[in-house]
Amino acid sequence: MYLVVLSFVIMANEVLAEIVRQNIIFDVVDGIPPSEDESDEIRSFRSQIESDNLLLEYSAEELGFNNVLFEYQSQG
């Protein structure tokens, strides 16, 4: 599982700018729905972190955010 997470994060880093990944993570945590004009890469990244808390947490931590899941899990 760790290798899957790592390969996903590496792919996202190569394709999406850091600020874009940050905005997507915050949108997911805040419950903001995707916009209709998102690129395939953004939709893919969003879908993955929405469906897998480990990917969400790892992606956020890689960008320097800790405990991002606390808010995300408290919404459920």
PDB file of N, CA and C in Angstrom:
ATOM      1  N   MET A   1       0.826  -1.196   0.000  1.00  0.00           N
ATOM      2  CA  MET A   1       0.000   0.000   0.000  1.00  0.00           C
ATOM      3  C   MET A   1       0.868   1.257   0.000  1.00  0.00           C
ATOM      4  N   TYR A   2       1.959   1.223   0.763  1.00  0.00           N
ATOM      5  CA  TYR A   2       2.837   2.388   0.836  1.00  0.00           C
ATOM      6  C   TYR A   2       3.377   2.754  -0.543  1.00  0.00           C
ATOM      7  N   LEU A   3       3.745   1.764  -1.342  1.00  0.00           N
ATOM      8  CA  LEU A   3       4.274   2.044  -2.678  1.00  0.00           C
ATOM      9  C   LEU A   3       3.226   2.671  -3.586  1.00  0.00           C
ATOM     10  N   VAL A   4       1.977   2.262  -3.428  1.00  0.00           N
ATOM     11  CA  VAL A   4       0.895   2.851  -4.220  1.00  0.00           C
ATOM     12  C   VAL A   4       0.736   4.314  -3.856  1.00  0.00           C
ATOM     13  N   VAL A   5       0.750   4.606  -2.560  1.00  0.00           N
ATOM     14  CA  VAL A   5       0.627   5.994  -2.093  1.00  0.00           C
ATOM     15  C   VAL A   5       1.795   6.821  -2.611  1.00  0.00           C
ATOM     16  N   LEU A   6       2.992   6.293  -2.461  1.00  0.00           N
ATOM     17  CA  LEU A   6       4.184   7.013  -2.893  1.00  0.00           C
ATOM     18  C   LEU A   6       4.170   7.287  -4.387  1.00  0.00           C
ATOM     19  N   SER A   7       3.804   6.309  -5.190  1.00  0.00           N
ATOM     20  CA  SER A   7       3.778   6.517  -6.640  1.00  0.00           C
ATOM     21  C   SER A   7       2.707   7.528  -7.026  1.00  0.00           C
ATOM     22  N   PHE A   8       1.573   7.515  -6.333  1.00  0.00           N
ATOM     23  CA  PHE A   8       0.521   8.495  -6.612  1.00  0.00           C
ATOM     24  C   PHE A   8       1.004   9.905  -6.296  1.00  0.00           C
ATOM     25  N   VAL A   9       1.655  10.073  -5.161  1.00  0.00           N
ATOM     26  CA  VAL A   9       2.128  11.396  -4.757  1.00  0.00           C
ATOM     27  C   VAL A   9       3.203  11.898  -5.715  1.00  0.00           C
ATOM     28  N   ILE A  10       4.081  11.033  -6.133  1.00  0.00           N
ATOM     29  CA  ILE A  10       5.115  11.425  -7.094  1.00  0.00           C
ATOM     30  C   ILE A  10       4.474  11.882  -8.403  1.00  0.00           C
ATOM     31  N   MET A  11       3.468  11.152  -8.873  1.00  0.00           N
ATOM     32  CA  MET A  11       2.775  11.527 -10.103  1.00  0.00           C
ATOM     33  C   MET A  11       2.104  12.888  -9.938  1.00  0.00           C
ATOM     34  N   ALA A  12       1.446  13.101  -8.816  1.00  0.00           N
ATOM     35  CA  ALA A  12       0.761  14.378  -8.579  1.00  0.00           C
ATOM     36  C   ALA A  12       1.769  15.520  -8.518  1.00  0.00           C
ATOM     37  N   ASN A  13       2.922  15.282  -7.913  1.00  0.00           N
ATOM     38  CA  ASN A  13       3.953  16.310  -7.825  1.00  0.00           C
ATOM     39  C   ASN A  13       4.483  16.696  -9.188  1.00  0.00           C
ATOM     40  N   GLU A  14       4.605  15.736 -10.076  1.00  0.00           N
ATOM     41  CA  GLU A  14       5.134  16.002 -11.406  1.00  0.00           C
ATOM     42  C   GLU A  14       4.137  16.756 -12.276  1.00  0.00           C
ATOM     43  N   VAL A  15       2.865  16.553 -12.044  1.00  0.00           N
ATOM     44  CA  VAL A  15       1.839  17.112 -12.923  1.00  0.00           C
ATOM     45  C   VAL A  15       1.234  18.399 -12.367  1.00  0.00           C
ATOM     46  N   LEU A  16       0.970  18.442 -11.071  1.00  0.00           N
ATOM     47  CA  LEU A  16       0.260  19.572 -10.481  1.00  0.00           C
ATOM     48  C   LEU A  16       1.192  20.443  -9.641  1.00  0.00           C
ATOM     49  N   ALA A  17       1.056  21.736  -9.779  1.00  0.00           N
ATOM     50  CA  ALA A  17       1.844  22.675  -8.987  1.00  0.00           C
ATOM     51  C   ALA A  17       1.457  22.562  -7.516  1.00  0.00           C
ATOM     52  N   GLU A  18       2.382  22.936  -6.641  1.00  0.00           N
ATOM     53  CA  GLU A  18       2.159  22.830  -5.201  1.00  0.00           C
ATOM     54  C   GLU A  18       0.918  23.604  -4.777  1.00  0.00           C
ATOM     55  N   ILE A  19       0.744  24.813  -5.251  1.00  0.00           N
ATOM     56  CA  ILE A  19      -0.405  25.633  -4.849  1.00  0.00           C
ATOM     57  C   ILE A  19      -1.717  25.000  -5.304  1.00  0.00           C
ATOM     58  N   VAL A  20      -1.710  24.345  -6.455  1.00  0.00           N
ATOM     59  CA  VAL A  20      -2.911  23.668  -6.942  1.00  0.00           C
ATOM     60  C   VAL A  20      -3.252  22.508  -6.016  1.00  0.00           C
ATOM     61  N   ARG A  21      -2.240  21.708  -5.644  1.00  0.00           N
ATOM     62  CA  ARG A  21      -2.474  20.590  -4.732  1.00  0.00           C
ATOM     63  C   ARG A  21      -2.969  21.079  -3.379  1.00  0.00           C
ATOM     64  N   GLN A  22      -2.407  22.185  -2.883  1.00  0.00           N
ATOM     65  CA  GLN A  22      -2.865  22.746  -1.607  1.00  0.00           C
ATOM     66  C   GLN A  22      -4.334  23.140  -1.694  1.00  0.00           C
ATOM     67  N   ASN A  23      -4.696  23.834  -2.756  1.00  0.00           N
ATOM     68  CA  ASN A  23      -6.084  24.283  -2.912  1.00  0.00           C
ATOM     69  C   ASN A  23      -7.049  23.103  -2.994  1.00  0.00           C
ATOM     70  N   ILE A  24      -6.650  22.057  -3.699  1.00  0.00           N
ATOM     71  CA  ILE A  24      -7.512  20.877  -3.814  1.00  0.00           C
ATOM     72  C   ILE A  24      -7.689  20.226  -2.446  1.00  0.00           C
ATOM     73  N   ILE A  25      -6.608  20.079  -1.700  1.00  0.00           N
ATOM     74  CA  ILE A  25      -6.694  19.474  -0.369  1.00  0.00           C
ATOM     75  C   ILE A  25      -7.613  20.292   0.523  1.00  0.00           C
ATOM     76  N   PHE A  26      -7.458  21.613   0.521  1.00  0.00           N
ATOM     77  CA  PHE A  26      -8.328  22.456   1.345  1.00  0.00           C
ATOM     78  C   PHE A  26      -9.783  22.365   0.900  1.00  0.00           C
ATOM     79  N   ASP A  27     -10.021  22.319  -0.401  1.00  0.00           N
ATOM     80  CA  ASP A  27     -11.391  22.167  -0.891  1.00  0.00           C
ATOM     81  C   ASP A  27     -12.004  20.851  -0.415  1.00  0.00           C
ATOM     82  N   VAL A  28     -11.235  19.770  -0.495  1.00  0.00           N
ATOM     83  CA  VAL A  28     -11.729  18.462  -0.054  1.00  0.00           C
ATOM     84  C   VAL A  28     -12.028  18.489   1.435  1.00  0.00           C
ATOM     85  N   VAL A  29     -11.109  19.027   2.221  1.00  0.00           N
ATOM     86  CA  VAL A  29     -11.290  19.081   3.675  1.00  0.00           C
ATOM     87  C   VAL A  29     -12.493  19.962   4.029  1.00  0.00           C
ATOM     88  N   ASP A  30     -12.671  21.056   3.307  1.00  0.00           N
ATOM     89  CA  ASP A  30     -13.777  21.974   3.584  1.00  0.00           C
ATOM     90  C   ASP A  30     -15.097  21.534   2.964  1.00  0.00           C
ATOM     91  N   GLY A  31     -15.073  20.470   2.166  1.00  0.00           N
ATOM     92  CA  GLY A  31     -16.298  19.967   1.562  1.00  0.00           C
ATOM     93  C   GLY A  31     -16.758  20.750   0.343  1.00  0.00           C
ATOM     94  N   ILE A  32     -15.861  21.477  -0.275  1.00  0.00           N
ATOM     95  CA  ILE A  32     -16.213  22.261  -1.461  1.00  0.00           C
ATOM     96  C   ILE A  32     -16.216  21.333  -2.677  1.00  0.00           C
ATOM     97  N   PRO A  33     -17.309  21.290  -3.406  1.00  0.00           N
ATOM     98  CA  PRO A  33     -17.401  20.382  -4.560  1.00  0.00           C
ATOM     99  C   PRO A  33     -16.479  20.831  -5.692  1.00  0.00           C
ATOM    100  N   PRO A  34     -16.122  19.910  -6.565  1.00  0.00           N
ATOM    101  CA  PRO A  34     -15.256  20.272  -7.695  1.00  0.00           C
ATOM    102  C   PRO A  34     -15.964  21.215  -8.656  1.00  0.00           C
ATOM    103  N   SER A  35     -15.162  22.033  -9.326  1.00  0.00           N
ATOM    104  CA  SER A  35     -15.745  22.894 -10.352  1.00  0.00           C
ATOM    105  C   SER A  35     -15.836  22.110 -11.654  1.00  0.00           C
ATOM    106  N   GLU A  36     -16.658  22.582 -12.545  1.00  0.00           N
ATOM    107  CA  GLU A  36     -16.890  21.867 -13.794  1.00  0.00           C
ATOM    108  C   GLU A  36     -15.726  21.978 -14.767  1.00  0.00           C
ATOM    109  N   ASP A  37     -14.860  22.961 -14.583  1.00  0.00           N
ATOM    110  CA  ASP A  37     -13.778  23.179 -15.546  1.00  0.00           C
ATOM    111  C   ASP A  37     -12.424  22.636 -15.081  1.00  0.00           C
ATOM    112  N   GLU A  38     -12.424  21.682 -14.164  1.00  0.00           N
ATOM    113  CA  GLU A  38     -11.175  21.097 -13.686  1.00  0.00           C
ATOM    114  C   GLU A  38     -10.556  20.193 -14.744  1.00  0.00           C
ATOM    115  N   SER A  39      -9.235  20.197 -14.782  1.00  0.00           N
ATOM    116  CA  SER A  39      -8.521  19.337 -15.726  1.00  0.00           C
ATOM    117  C   SER A  39      -8.627  17.879 -15.277  1.00  0.00           C
ATOM    118  N   ASP A  40      -8.261  16.983 -16.169  1.00  0.00           N
ATOM    119  CA  ASP A  40      -8.278  15.556 -15.840  1.00  0.00           C
ATOM    120  C   ASP A  40      -7.337  15.255 -14.677  1.00  0.00           C
ATOM    121  N   GLU A  41      -6.181  15.906 -14.653  1.00  0.00           N
ATOM    122  CA  GLU A  41      -5.215  15.683 -13.584  1.00  0.00           C
ATOM    123  C   GLU A  41      -5.774  16.114 -12.227  1.00  0.00           C
ATOM    124  N   ILE A  42      -6.427  17.262 -12.203  1.00  0.00           N
ATOM    125  CA  ILE A  42      -7.013  17.752 -10.952  1.00  0.00           C
ATOM    126  C   ILE A  42      -8.144  16.841 -10.509  1.00  0.00           C
ATOM    127  N   ARG A  43      -9.004  16.444 -11.445  1.00  0.00           N
ATOM    128  CA  ARG A  43     -10.102  15.529 -11.086  1.00  0.00           C
ATOM    129  C   ARG A  43      -9.570  14.222 -10.535  1.00  0.00           C
ATOM    130  N   SER A  44      -8.510  13.707 -11.138  1.00  0.00           N
ATOM    131  CA  SER A  44      -7.912  12.459 -10.676  1.00  0.00           C
ATOM    132  C   SER A  44      -7.332  12.607  -9.281  1.00  0.00           C
ATOM    133  N   PHE A  45      -6.571  13.665  -9.041  1.00  0.00           N
ATOM    134  CA  PHE A  45      -5.983  13.908  -7.723  1.00  0.00           C
ATOM    135  C   PHE A  45      -7.083  14.057  -6.674  1.00  0.00           C
ATOM    136  N   ARG A  46      -8.084  14.861  -6.981  1.00  0.00           N
ATOM    137  CA  ARG A  46      -9.188  15.079  -6.053  1.00  0.00           C
ATOM    138  C   ARG A  46      -9.905  13.767  -5.725  1.00  0.00           C
ATOM    139  N   SER A  47     -10.201  13.001  -6.748  1.00  0.00           N
ATOM    140  CA  SER A  47     -10.907  11.735  -6.560  1.00  0.00           C
ATOM    141  C   SER A  47     -10.118  10.792  -5.659  1.00  0.00           C
ATOM    142  N   GLN A  48      -8.823  10.713  -5.893  1.00  0.00           N
ATOM    143  CA  GLN A  48      -7.981   9.821  -5.096  1.00  0.00           C
ATOM    144  C   GLN A  48      -7.943  10.239  -3.631  1.00  0.00           C
ATOM    145  N   ILE A  49      -7.739  11.521  -3.355  1.00  0.00           N
ATOM    146  CA  ILE A  49      -7.639  11.934  -1.946  1.00  0.00           C
ATOM    147  C   ILE A  49      -8.995  11.948  -1.260  1.00  0.00           C
ATOM    148  N   GLU A  50     -10.073  12.093  -2.024  1.00  0.00           N
ATOM    149  CA  GLU A  50     -11.406  12.004  -1.426  1.00  0.00           C
ATOM    150  C   GLU A  50     -11.737  10.573  -1.009  1.00  0.00           C
ATOM    151  N   SER A  51     -11.214   9.613  -1.743  1.00  0.00           N
ATOM    152  CA  SER A  51     -11.573   8.220  -1.484  1.00  0.00           C
ATOM    153  C   SER A  51     -10.582   7.475  -0.602  1.00  0.00           C
ATOM    154  N   ASP A  52      -9.464   8.100  -0.272  1.00  0.00           N
ATOM    155  CA  ASP A  52      -8.440   7.410   0.508  1.00  0.00           C
ATOM    156  C   ASP A  52      -7.808   8.378   1.511  1.00  0.00           C
ATOM    157  N   ASN A  53      -8.163   8.213   2.780  1.00  0.00           N
ATOM    158  CA  ASN A  53      -7.649   9.103   3.818  1.00  0.00           C
ATOM    159  C   ASN A  53      -6.139   9.063   3.931  1.00  0.00           C
ATOM    160  N   LEU A  54      -5.534   7.910   3.651  1.00  0.00           N
ATOM    161  CA  LEU A  54      -4.078   7.800   3.713  1.00  0.00           C
ATOM    162  C   LEU A  54      -3.432   8.699   2.658  1.00  0.00           C
ATOM    163  N   LEU A  55      -3.981   8.706   1.453  1.00  0.00           N
ATOM    164  CA  LEU A  55      -3.462   9.586   0.409  1.00  0.00           C
ATOM    165  C   LEU A  55      -3.670  11.047   0.764  1.00  0.00           C
ATOM    166  N   LEU A  56      -4.813  11.370   1.316  1.00  0.00           N
ATOM    167  CA  LEU A  56      -5.091  12.745   1.732  1.00  0.00           C
ATOM    168  C   LEU A  56      -4.084  13.180   2.783  1.00  0.00           C
ATOM    169  N   GLU A  57      -3.892  12.368   3.796  1.00  0.00           N
ATOM    170  CA  GLU A  57      -2.975  12.701   4.876  1.00  0.00           C
ATOM    171  C   GLU A  57      -1.540  12.830   4.368  1.00  0.00           C
ATOM    172  N   TYR A  58      -1.095  11.872   3.576  1.00  0.00           N
ATOM    173  CA  TYR A  58       0.273  11.882   3.072  1.00  0.00           C
ATOM    174  C   TYR A  58       0.500  13.087   2.161  1.00  0.00           C
ATOM    175  N   SER A  59      -0.452  13.376   1.291  1.00  0.00           N
ATOM    176  CA  SER A  59      -0.320  14.520   0.387  1.00  0.00           C
ATOM    177  C   SER A  59      -0.259  15.823   1.161  1.00  0.00           C
ATOM    178  N   ALA A  60      -1.086  15.955   2.182  1.00  0.00           N
ATOM    179  CA  ALA A  60      -1.091  17.167   3.006  1.00  0.00           C
ATOM    180  C   ALA A  60       0.220  17.303   3.778  1.00  0.00           C
ATOM    181  N   GLU A  61       0.681  16.216   4.363  1.00  0.00           N
ATOM    182  CA  GLU A  61       1.930  16.267   5.125  1.00  0.00           C
ATOM    183  C   GLU A  61       3.113  16.600   4.227  1.00  0.00           C
ATOM    184  N   GLU A  62       3.095  16.093   3.020  1.00  0.00           N
ATOM    185  CA  GLU A  62       4.170  16.399   2.094  1.00  0.00           C
ATOM    186  C   GLU A  62       4.218  17.893   1.776  1.00  0.00           C
ATOM    187  N   LEU A  63       3.077  18.550   1.821  1.00  0.00           N
ATOM    188  CA  LEU A  63       3.004  19.987   1.574  1.00  0.00           C
ATOM    189  C   LEU A  63       3.221  20.801   2.853  1.00  0.00           C
ATOM    190  N   GLY A  64       3.469  20.112   3.970  1.00  0.00           N
ATOM    191  CA  GLY A  64       3.768  20.807   5.218  1.00  0.00           C
ATOM    192  C   GLY A  64       2.591  21.004   6.147  1.00  0.00           C
ATOM    193  N   PHE A  65       1.473  20.337   5.883  1.00  0.00           N
ATOM    194  CA  PHE A  65       0.292  20.474   6.734  1.00  0.00           C
ATOM    195  C   PHE A  65       0.140  19.229   7.593  1.00  0.00           C
ATOM    196  N   ASN A  66       0.033  19.434   8.889  1.00  0.00           N
ATOM    197  CA  ASN A  66      -0.151  18.320   9.810  1.00  0.00           C
ATOM    198  C   ASN A  66      -1.574  18.325  10.348  1.00  0.00           C
ATOM    199  N   ASN A  67      -2.071  17.157  10.638  1.00  0.00           N
ATOM    200  CA  ASN A  67      -3.394  16.977  11.247  1.00  0.00           C
ATOM    201  C   ASN A  67      -4.533  17.487  10.378  1.00  0.00           C
ATOM    202  N   VAL A  68      -4.363  17.477   9.062  1.00  0.00           N
ATOM    203  CA  VAL A  68      -5.432  17.921   8.168  1.00  0.00           C
ATOM    204  C   VAL A  68      -6.636  16.987   8.276  1.00  0.00           C
ATOM    205  N   LEU A  69      -6.416  15.740   8.630  1.00  0.00           N
ATOM    206  CA  LEU A  69      -7.524  14.778   8.734  1.00  0.00           C
ATOM    207  C   LEU A  69      -8.402  15.021   9.943  1.00  0.00           C
ATOM    208  N   PHE A  70      -7.910  15.714  10.943  1.00  0.00           N
ATOM    209  CA  PHE A  70      -8.733  15.980  12.116  1.00  0.00           C
ATOM    210  C   PHE A  70     -10.006  16.711  11.718  1.00  0.00           C
ATOM    211  N   GLU A  71      -9.864  17.759  10.925  1.00  0.00           N
ATOM    212  CA  GLU A  71     -11.040  18.500  10.475  1.00  0.00           C
ATOM    213  C   GLU A  71     -11.860  17.669   9.500  1.00  0.00           C
ATOM    214  N   TYR A  72     -11.199  16.970   8.605  1.00  0.00           N
ATOM    215  CA  TYR A  72     -11.882  16.179   7.588  1.00  0.00           C
ATOM    216  C   TYR A  72     -12.744  15.086   8.234  1.00  0.00           C
ATOM    217  N   GLN A  73     -12.190  14.367   9.209  1.00  0.00           N
ATOM    218  CA  GLN A  73     -12.927  13.278   9.843  1.00  0.00           C
ATOM    219  C   GLN A  73     -14.008  13.789  10.788  1.00  0.00           C
ATOM    220  N   SER A  74     -13.851  14.986  11.321  1.00  0.00           N
ATOM    221  CA  SER A  74     -14.859  15.501  12.234  1.00  0.00           C
ATOM    222  C   SER A  74     -16.124  15.972  11.502  1.00  0.00           C
ATOM    223  N   GLN A  75     -16.048  16.071  10.168  1.00  0.00           N
ATOM    224  CA  GLN A  75     -17.212  16.476   9.392  1.00  0.00           C
ATOM    225  C   GLN A  75     -18.184  15.330   9.151  1.00  0.00           C
ATOM    226  N   GLY A  76     -17.685  14.110   9.239  1.00  0.00           N
ATOM    227  CA  GLY A  76     -18.486  12.933   8.905  1.00  0.00           C
ATOM    228  C   GLY A  76     -19.461  12.616   9.941  1.00  0.00           C
TER     229      GLY A  76
END
